[in-house]
Protein backbone atom coordinates (compact mmCIF):
# COMPACT_ATOMS: atom_id res chain seq x y z
CA MET A 1 13.18 148.77 24.76
CA ALA A 2 9.75 147.13 23.44
CA ASP A 3 7.87 149.61 25.91
CA GLU A 4 9.57 152.68 24.28
CA ASN A 5 8.49 151.12 20.40
CA ASP A 6 4.77 150.57 21.65
CA ASP A 7 4.95 154.11 23.33
CA LEU A 8 6.06 155.50 19.98
CA MET A 9 3.43 153.76 18.08
CA SER A 10 0.93 154.44 19.76
CA ALA A 11 1.46 158.10 19.92
CA LEU A 12 1.58 157.81 15.50
CA ASP A 13 -1.38 156.21 15.73
CA GLU A 14 -3.29 159.55 17.82
CA GLU A 15 -1.57 161.89 15.51
CA GLN A 16 -3.04 160.76 12.06
CA SER A 17 -6.54 160.06 13.82
CA LYS A 18 -6.16 163.71 15.06
CA ASN A 19 -5.53 164.55 11.27
CA ASP A 20 -8.05 162.28 9.63
CA ASP A 21 -10.47 164.06 12.27
CA ASP A 22 -9.44 167.56 10.84
CA MET A 23 -9.83 166.74 7.47
CA ALA A 24 -13.32 165.96 7.69
CA SER A 25 -13.96 168.38 9.78
CA GLU A 26 -13.27 170.61 6.84
CA TRP A 27 -14.85 168.38 4.22
CA ALA A 28 -18.07 168.38 6.57
CA ALA A 29 -17.76 172.40 7.20
CA MET A 30 -17.15 172.80 2.39
CA ILE A 31 -20.23 170.71 2.09
CA GLU A 32 -22.16 172.77 4.96
CA GLY A 33 -21.08 176.54 3.12
CA GLY A 34 -19.06 177.47 5.50
CA GLY A 35 -16.38 177.43 3.41
CA ASP A 36 -14.94 180.85 1.55
CA GLY A 37 -12.69 179.17 -0.47
CA ASP A 38 -12.25 178.35 -4.06
CA GLY A 39 -13.96 174.47 -3.47
CA ASP A 40 -17.77 176.59 -3.59
CA SER A 41 -16.90 178.01 -6.64
CA HIS A 42 -15.50 174.40 -8.56
CA ALA A 43 -18.28 172.81 -6.53
CA ASP A 44 -21.20 174.22 -8.29
CA ARG A 45 -19.74 175.41 -11.77
CA ILE A 46 -22.43 174.97 -15.02
CA LEU A 47 -21.97 174.71 -18.31
CA ASN A 48 -24.17 177.32 -20.54
CA GLN A 49 -25.81 176.05 -23.54
CA ASP A 50 -23.03 177.99 -25.33
CA GLU A 51 -20.04 175.49 -23.56
CA ILE A 52 -22.45 172.48 -24.64
CA ASP A 53 -23.21 173.92 -27.74
CA ASN A 54 -19.41 173.67 -28.65
CA LEU A 55 -18.72 170.51 -26.34
CA LEU A 56 -21.11 168.19 -28.09
CA GLY A 57 -20.74 170.13 -31.77
CA PHE A 58 -23.37 171.44 -32.23
CA ASP A 59 -22.32 175.25 -32.66
CA GLN A 60 -24.48 177.14 -35.31
CA ALA A 61 -21.73 178.91 -36.48
CA ASP A 62 -19.10 176.40 -37.43
CA LEU A 63 -22.32 174.13 -38.78
CA SER A 64 -22.75 176.80 -41.01
CA GLU A 65 -18.95 176.98 -42.11
CA GLY A 66 -18.88 173.00 -42.44
CA ASP A 67 -16.88 172.17 -39.56
CA MET A 68 -18.20 170.06 -37.39
CA SER A 69 -16.90 168.93 -34.20
CA GLY A 70 -17.57 166.42 -30.97
CA VAL A 71 -20.17 164.43 -30.80
CA GLN A 72 -21.58 165.60 -33.92
CA ALA A 73 -18.40 164.86 -36.09
CA LEU A 74 -19.10 161.11 -34.68
CA ILE A 75 -22.70 161.23 -35.85
CA ASN A 76 -21.31 162.90 -39.63
CA SER A 77 -18.40 160.43 -40.15
CA ALA A 78 -20.37 158.19 -41.97
CA LEU A 79 -21.33 161.16 -44.93
CA VAL A 80 -19.33 161.43 -48.03
CA SER A 81 -18.16 164.74 -48.28
CA TYR A 82 -19.93 166.14 -52.27
CA GLU A 83 -16.52 167.35 -52.86
CA ARG A 84 -15.12 164.33 -53.53
CA LEU A 85 -17.17 164.40 -56.56
CA PRO A 86 -15.69 167.33 -58.81
CA MET A 87 -17.98 166.74 -61.60
CA LEU A 88 -21.37 167.19 -59.92
CA GLU A 89 -20.75 170.76 -59.83
CA ILE A 90 -19.83 171.00 -62.96
CA VAL A 91 -23.18 169.25 -64.05
CA PHE A 92 -25.27 172.13 -61.91
CA ASP A 93 -22.94 174.83 -62.59
CA ARG A 94 -24.38 173.80 -66.49
CA LEU A 95 -28.30 173.48 -65.17
CA VAL A 96 -27.35 176.40 -63.67
CA ARG A 97 -27.33 178.21 -66.87
CA LEU A 98 -30.32 175.97 -69.13
CA THR A 99 -32.69 176.51 -66.61
CA THR A 100 -32.27 180.61 -66.26
CA THR A 101 -32.78 180.17 -70.29
CA SER A 102 -35.57 177.76 -70.60
CA LEU A 103 -37.27 179.93 -67.33
CA ARG A 104 -37.24 183.25 -68.97
CA ASN A 105 -39.18 182.51 -71.92
CA PHE A 106 -41.46 180.08 -70.07
CA THR A 107 -42.19 183.36 -67.64
CA SER A 108 -41.40 186.05 -70.52
CA ASP A 109 -39.67 187.55 -67.90
CA ASN A 110 -36.11 188.77 -66.27
CA VAL A 111 -35.01 185.60 -64.39
CA GLU A 112 -31.34 184.94 -62.35
CA VAL A 113 -30.93 181.49 -61.11
CA SER A 114 -28.21 181.19 -59.08
CA LEU A 115 -26.43 177.83 -57.15
CA ASP A 116 -26.71 178.21 -53.68
CA SER A 117 -25.03 175.16 -52.41
CA ILE A 118 -23.72 171.56 -52.59
CA THR A 119 -24.04 170.07 -49.01
CA SER A 120 -24.47 166.56 -47.67
CA VAL A 121 -27.54 165.74 -45.52
CA ARG A 122 -29.05 162.60 -44.12
CA PHE A 123 -32.47 161.83 -46.12
CA GLY A 124 -34.52 162.18 -42.45
CA ASP A 125 -32.77 164.84 -41.14
CA TYR A 126 -33.62 166.64 -44.29
CA LEU A 127 -37.40 166.13 -44.83
CA ASN A 128 -37.30 167.40 -40.76
CA SER A 129 -36.69 170.54 -42.23
CA VAL A 130 -38.35 170.58 -45.16
CA PRO A 131 -40.39 174.47 -44.55
CA LEU A 132 -44.53 173.55 -45.34
CA PRO A 133 -46.22 174.26 -46.90
CA ALA A 134 -44.35 173.05 -49.90
CA ILE A 135 -44.75 170.56 -53.00
CA LEU A 136 -42.01 167.95 -52.30
CA THR A 137 -42.22 165.80 -56.04
CA VAL A 138 -40.93 162.49 -56.55
CA LEU A 139 -38.73 162.30 -60.11
CA LYS A 140 -37.65 159.27 -61.26
CA ALA A 141 -34.18 158.42 -63.15
CA GLU A 142 -35.14 155.50 -65.59
CA GLU A 143 -31.48 154.67 -66.59
CA TRP A 144 -30.31 154.46 -62.59
CA ASP A 145 -33.85 152.65 -61.66
CA ASN A 146 -33.78 155.27 -58.41
CA PHE A 147 -35.45 158.15 -56.88
CA GLY A 148 -34.81 161.57 -55.82
CA LEU A 149 -36.78 164.43 -54.70
CA MET A 150 -37.10 168.18 -55.72
CA THR A 151 -38.55 170.49 -53.38
CA VAL A 152 -41.12 173.65 -54.22
CA GLU A 153 -40.52 176.17 -51.92
CA SER A 154 -44.11 177.96 -51.67
CA ASN A 155 -42.63 181.47 -51.90
CA LEU A 156 -41.82 180.28 -55.32
CA ILE A 157 -45.40 179.09 -55.90
CA TYR A 158 -47.06 182.33 -55.32
CA SER A 159 -44.31 184.33 -56.86
CA MET A 160 -44.27 181.70 -60.37
CA ILE A 161 -48.01 181.64 -60.18
CA ASP A 162 -48.33 185.87 -59.75
CA VAL A 163 -45.90 186.07 -63.18
CA LEU A 164 -47.82 183.63 -65.44
CA LEU A 165 -50.86 185.11 -64.26
CA GLY A 166 -50.18 188.82 -64.79
CA GLY A 167 -49.99 189.27 -60.86
CA ARG A 168 -48.69 192.76 -59.15
CA ARG A 169 -44.70 193.12 -58.96
CA GLY A 170 -44.23 193.29 -54.93
CA ASN A 171 -42.44 191.32 -52.68
CA ASN A 172 -45.24 191.41 -50.27
CA THR A 173 -46.19 187.62 -50.69
CA ILE A 174 -49.73 186.38 -49.73
CA ARG A 175 -49.41 183.16 -48.41
CA VAL A 176 -53.19 181.53 -48.29
CA GLU A 177 -52.40 179.34 -44.84
CA GLY A 178 -54.41 176.32 -44.05
CA ARG A 179 -55.70 175.04 -48.22
CA PRO A 180 -54.23 172.83 -49.88
CA TYR A 181 -52.70 173.96 -53.11
CA THR A 182 -55.24 174.21 -55.73
CA THR A 183 -55.35 172.94 -59.22
CA ILE A 184 -54.13 175.74 -61.07
CA GLU A 185 -51.46 175.99 -58.86
CA MET A 186 -50.21 172.39 -59.03
CA GLY A 187 -50.27 172.27 -62.91
CA LEU A 188 -48.15 175.52 -63.29
CA THR A 189 -45.90 174.34 -60.41
CA GLN A 190 -45.95 170.94 -62.34
CA ARG A 191 -44.87 172.54 -65.23
CA MET A 192 -42.15 174.16 -64.20
CA ILE A 193 -41.04 171.45 -62.01
CA GLU A 194 -40.21 169.48 -66.00
CA LEU A 195 -38.86 172.29 -67.17
CA ILE A 196 -35.95 172.06 -64.82
CA LEU A 197 -36.16 168.27 -65.08
CA ASP A 198 -35.85 168.44 -68.60
CA ASP A 199 -33.40 170.86 -68.36
CA MET A 200 -31.14 168.41 -65.70
CA MET A 201 -31.25 165.46 -68.36
CA LYS A 202 -29.09 168.23 -70.81
CA ALA A 203 -26.88 168.36 -67.84
CA PHE A 204 -26.14 165.14 -67.37
CA GLU A 205 -25.44 164.49 -71.25
CA PRO A 206 -22.65 164.73 -71.04
CA LEU A 207 -22.02 162.61 -68.75
CA THR A 208 -24.45 159.86 -69.45
CA PRO A 209 -27.36 159.85 -70.53
CA VAL A 210 -31.08 159.80 -68.06
CA THR A 211 -34.19 160.41 -68.34
CA PHE A 212 -36.42 161.99 -65.48
CA LYS A 213 -39.47 161.32 -65.15
CA VAL A 214 -42.09 163.27 -62.82
CA GLU A 215 -43.71 160.25 -60.38
CA ARG A 216 -45.53 161.54 -58.07
CA MET A 217 -46.41 164.97 -56.18
CA GLU A 218 -46.54 165.75 -52.56
CA THR A 219 -47.45 167.77 -50.01
CA ASN A 220 -46.95 166.05 -46.49
CA PRO A 221 -43.36 165.16 -46.19
CA ARG A 222 -44.29 162.07 -44.72
CA PHE A 223 -45.49 160.49 -48.08
CA ALA A 224 -42.46 161.51 -50.04
CA ALA A 225 -39.80 159.25 -48.26
CA ILE A 226 -37.82 157.37 -51.16
CA ALA A 227 -35.01 156.43 -48.66
CA ARG A 228 -33.85 155.28 -45.08
CA PRO A 229 -33.88 158.30 -42.54
CA ALA A 230 -30.38 157.56 -41.93
CA ASN A 231 -28.96 157.38 -45.56
CA ALA A 232 -27.16 159.67 -47.01
CA ALA A 233 -27.83 162.35 -49.87
CA ILE A 234 -26.93 164.88 -51.84
CA LEU A 235 -28.71 168.50 -51.63
CA ILE A 236 -28.66 170.83 -54.03
CA GLU A 237 -29.67 174.21 -53.62
CA LEU A 238 -30.78 176.62 -56.76
CA ARG A 239 -32.24 180.19 -55.88
CA ILE A 240 -34.73 181.52 -58.46
CA ASP A 241 -35.35 185.89 -58.57
CA MET A 242 -37.44 186.71 -60.58
CA ASP A 243 -37.22 190.91 -60.35
CA ASP A 244 -37.91 190.65 -56.66
CA ARG A 245 -39.96 187.97 -55.84
CA GLY A 246 -38.61 184.35 -55.88
CA GLY A 247 -37.65 181.60 -54.02
CA LYS A 248 -35.74 178.12 -53.80
CA VAL A 249 -35.97 174.53 -55.52
CA GLU A 250 -34.05 172.22 -54.12
CA ILE A 251 -32.94 168.87 -54.95
CA LEU A 252 -32.01 165.81 -53.16
CA LEU A 253 -30.35 162.96 -54.53
CA PRO A 254 -29.28 159.97 -52.48
CA TYR A 255 -26.04 158.57 -52.72
CA ALA A 256 -28.06 155.05 -53.76
CA THR A 257 -29.66 156.88 -56.59
CA ILE A 258 -26.14 158.23 -58.57
CA GLU A 259 -24.06 155.35 -57.97
CA PRO A 260 -24.36 154.20 -61.25
CA ILE A 261 -22.31 156.93 -62.31
CA ARG A 262 -20.47 157.04 -59.56
CA GLU A 263 -17.18 156.65 -61.50
CA GLN A 264 -18.19 159.74 -64.52
CA LEU A 265 -18.70 162.07 -61.07
CA LEU A 266 -15.26 161.23 -59.83
CA GLN A 267 -13.24 163.17 -63.02
CA MET A 268 -11.60 166.26 -62.56
CA PHE A 269 -12.87 167.12 -66.33
CA MET A 270 -15.24 166.57 -68.57
CA GLY A 271 -14.09 163.60 -70.69
CA GLU A 272 -11.19 162.35 -68.59
CA LYS A 273 -11.84 158.60 -68.58
CA PHE A 274 -14.34 157.97 -71.03
CA GLY A 275 -14.99 158.53 -74.34
CA ARG A 276 -12.81 159.06 -77.77
CA ASP A 277 -9.97 161.59 -78.76
CA PRO A 278 -10.84 161.48 -82.42
CA ILE A 279 -6.71 163.13 -83.16
CA TRP A 280 -5.49 160.56 -81.64
CA GLU A 281 -8.07 157.58 -83.71
CA GLY A 282 -7.18 159.48 -86.41
CA HIS A 283 -3.19 159.52 -86.12
CA LEU A 284 -3.42 155.94 -85.35
CA ALA A 285 -5.33 155.49 -88.61
CA SER A 286 -3.22 157.63 -90.33
CA GLU A 287 -0.18 155.75 -89.35
CA ILE A 288 -1.45 152.18 -89.59
CA PHE A 289 -2.59 152.78 -93.30
CA ALA A 290 1.10 153.99 -93.79
CA ALA A 291 2.69 150.84 -92.72
CA GLU A 292 3.74 148.73 -94.39
CA THR A 293 3.24 144.96 -94.89
CA GLU A 294 4.01 141.70 -96.46
CA LEU A 295 1.59 139.88 -98.95
CA GLU A 296 2.07 136.23 -99.60
CA ALA A 297 0.61 134.52 -102.80
CA VAL A 298 0.53 131.13 -102.54
CA LEU A 299 -0.02 129.00 -105.30
CA HIS A 300 -0.13 125.72 -103.10
CA GLU A 301 -0.46 123.77 -100.38
CA TRP A 302 0.39 119.80 -99.55
CA GLU A 303 0.21 118.00 -96.55
CA ILE A 304 2.57 115.30 -96.58
CA PRO A 305 4.08 113.22 -93.92
CA LEU A 306 7.41 114.24 -91.65
CA SER A 307 9.31 110.45 -93.31
CA HIS A 308 8.45 111.69 -96.44
CA ALA A 309 9.77 115.15 -96.84
CA MET A 310 12.87 113.86 -95.09
CA ASN A 311 14.10 111.87 -98.00
CA ILE A 312 13.26 115.18 -100.46
CA SER A 313 16.31 115.20 -102.72
CA ALA A 314 17.77 117.76 -105.04
CA GLY A 315 16.46 117.32 -108.55
CA ASP A 316 13.29 115.27 -106.90
CA THR A 317 9.84 116.48 -108.93
CA LEU A 318 7.00 117.38 -107.13
CA MET A 319 3.62 117.06 -108.60
CA PHE A 320 0.79 119.71 -107.31
CA GLU A 321 -2.77 119.30 -108.61
CA ARG A 322 -3.04 122.87 -109.95
CA THR A 323 -3.26 124.74 -113.01
CA PRO A 324 -2.77 127.58 -114.60
CA ASN A 325 -6.22 128.56 -114.64
CA ASP A 326 -6.66 128.16 -110.58
CA PRO A 327 -6.85 130.90 -108.42
CA VAL A 328 -3.56 132.16 -106.32
CA SER A 329 -4.67 132.62 -102.47
CA LEU A 330 -3.07 135.89 -101.08
CA ARG A 331 -2.56 135.93 -96.98
CA CYS A 332 -0.91 138.76 -94.46
CA GLY A 333 0.58 136.41 -92.14
CA ASN A 334 -1.85 133.55 -91.69
CA VAL A 335 -5.15 135.85 -92.77
CA THR A 336 -6.46 134.63 -96.34
CA LEU A 337 -7.18 138.16 -97.73
CA THR A 338 -9.02 137.06 -101.10
CA GLU A 339 -7.95 135.50 -104.78
CA ALA A 340 -6.11 136.04 -107.78
CA GLN A 341 -5.36 135.45 -111.06
CA MET A 342 -1.58 133.73 -112.04
CA GLY A 343 -0.01 135.70 -114.71
CA HIS A 344 2.83 137.82 -116.14
CA ILE A 345 4.16 141.16 -116.63
CA GLY A 346 7.08 141.22 -119.54
CA LYS A 347 9.45 139.31 -117.11
CA ASN A 348 7.98 139.91 -113.73
CA VAL A 349 5.28 137.41 -112.19
CA SER A 350 2.02 138.84 -111.41
CA VAL A 351 -1.34 137.75 -109.89
CA ARG A 352 -4.31 140.03 -110.58
CA VAL A 353 -7.07 140.00 -108.01
CA THR A 354 -10.51 138.34 -108.57
CA ARG A 355 -12.84 139.38 -106.27
CA PRO A 356 -13.02 141.60 -103.08
CA LEU A 357 -11.20 140.63 -99.42
CA ASN A 358 -12.80 138.45 -97.01
CA PRO A 359 -15.01 140.88 -95.36
CA PRO A 360 -16.02 138.60 -92.12
CA LYS A 361 -12.23 138.39 -91.39
CA VAL A 362 -11.14 141.59 -91.83
CA THR A 363 -14.35 144.14 -90.63
CA MET A 364 -12.61 144.08 -87.29
CA SER A 365 -11.49 147.52 -86.48
CA VAL A 366 -7.73 148.17 -84.34
CA PHE A 367 -9.95 149.89 -82.01
CA GLU A 368 -12.18 146.88 -81.34
CA ALA A 369 -9.28 144.54 -80.73
CA MET A 370 -8.13 147.33 -78.86
CA ASP A 371 -11.11 146.72 -76.41
CA GLU A 372 -11.21 143.47 -76.66
CA GLN A 373 -7.24 143.47 -75.66
CA GLY A 374 -8.39 145.69 -72.61
CA ARG A 375 -11.51 143.60 -72.00
CA ASP A 376 -9.39 140.57 -71.77
């Protein structure tokens, strides 16, 4: 019986080794290219560039629509969407209207300003994407104690020079390469930038007062660094058209710059969470003035021990150190309002006010009291 088991095990081992040899031969043939099955197509499968872009999330069509996926979505996951700041778009819509009027008066030409886009970018990526030559203006928001960046494209610079100095009309703008901007070009461009900054101050005025000043003007993006390359920022693109010529103005505001007014930018409409409502104030004031209040005329106050007060009985006479000509205090609750002289009109006891109300104790308005209560 033991011999038969040994023979069976030997046969199984020989069969297993034969199967292993056959499988090894098949793999060797596939590697050497001897097989013509599907194995070759899967082994030699190489992704093309479009598939790599889709995998990594760098598809240009998706990026233009704002839909990011793959690695790109992970990289930009820390960016804050400007759509979370609804008031920001209202402010720059107001800027478009103001700038259109200002540039029309400045150039005496038909100028149309439009808002192309508002996007969230990283500061380093934006600096690398600025088309040169261009003028980069570092602007300072004094009340916010931080900086922003305004970029004027060369097409708009040369178009503005032509309009202001009486150049020919046409879309064939001459771009002079290899030379810096002249003093006249820099001066006229700075004047246009100052007009736009004045309009920005007016656009932000309903939210908060802010003053934008030109800090410096640069032509090299490396000298216009106002934030770390990885910091997030809001990019506003304005298109300025003058008949058949024009260009773009880009305004970059880091999130650290607009952080002081973040609560105002979170509003859905102007005046949602700040400011006073004059209709409500007028109604409250009228109701307060019509309210009834109790006024007390205090003849005299006298402090006595509790034991003395408990011994007072009917028929006792209390002597006050007062005369009929001494003033009487008029009180409302615990607040002393003024003093009066006691008298009578017919059978009624009366008092005549002898001096104005006490200003220090009644000047606090209802709204200031409500503000203090809210702060507490």
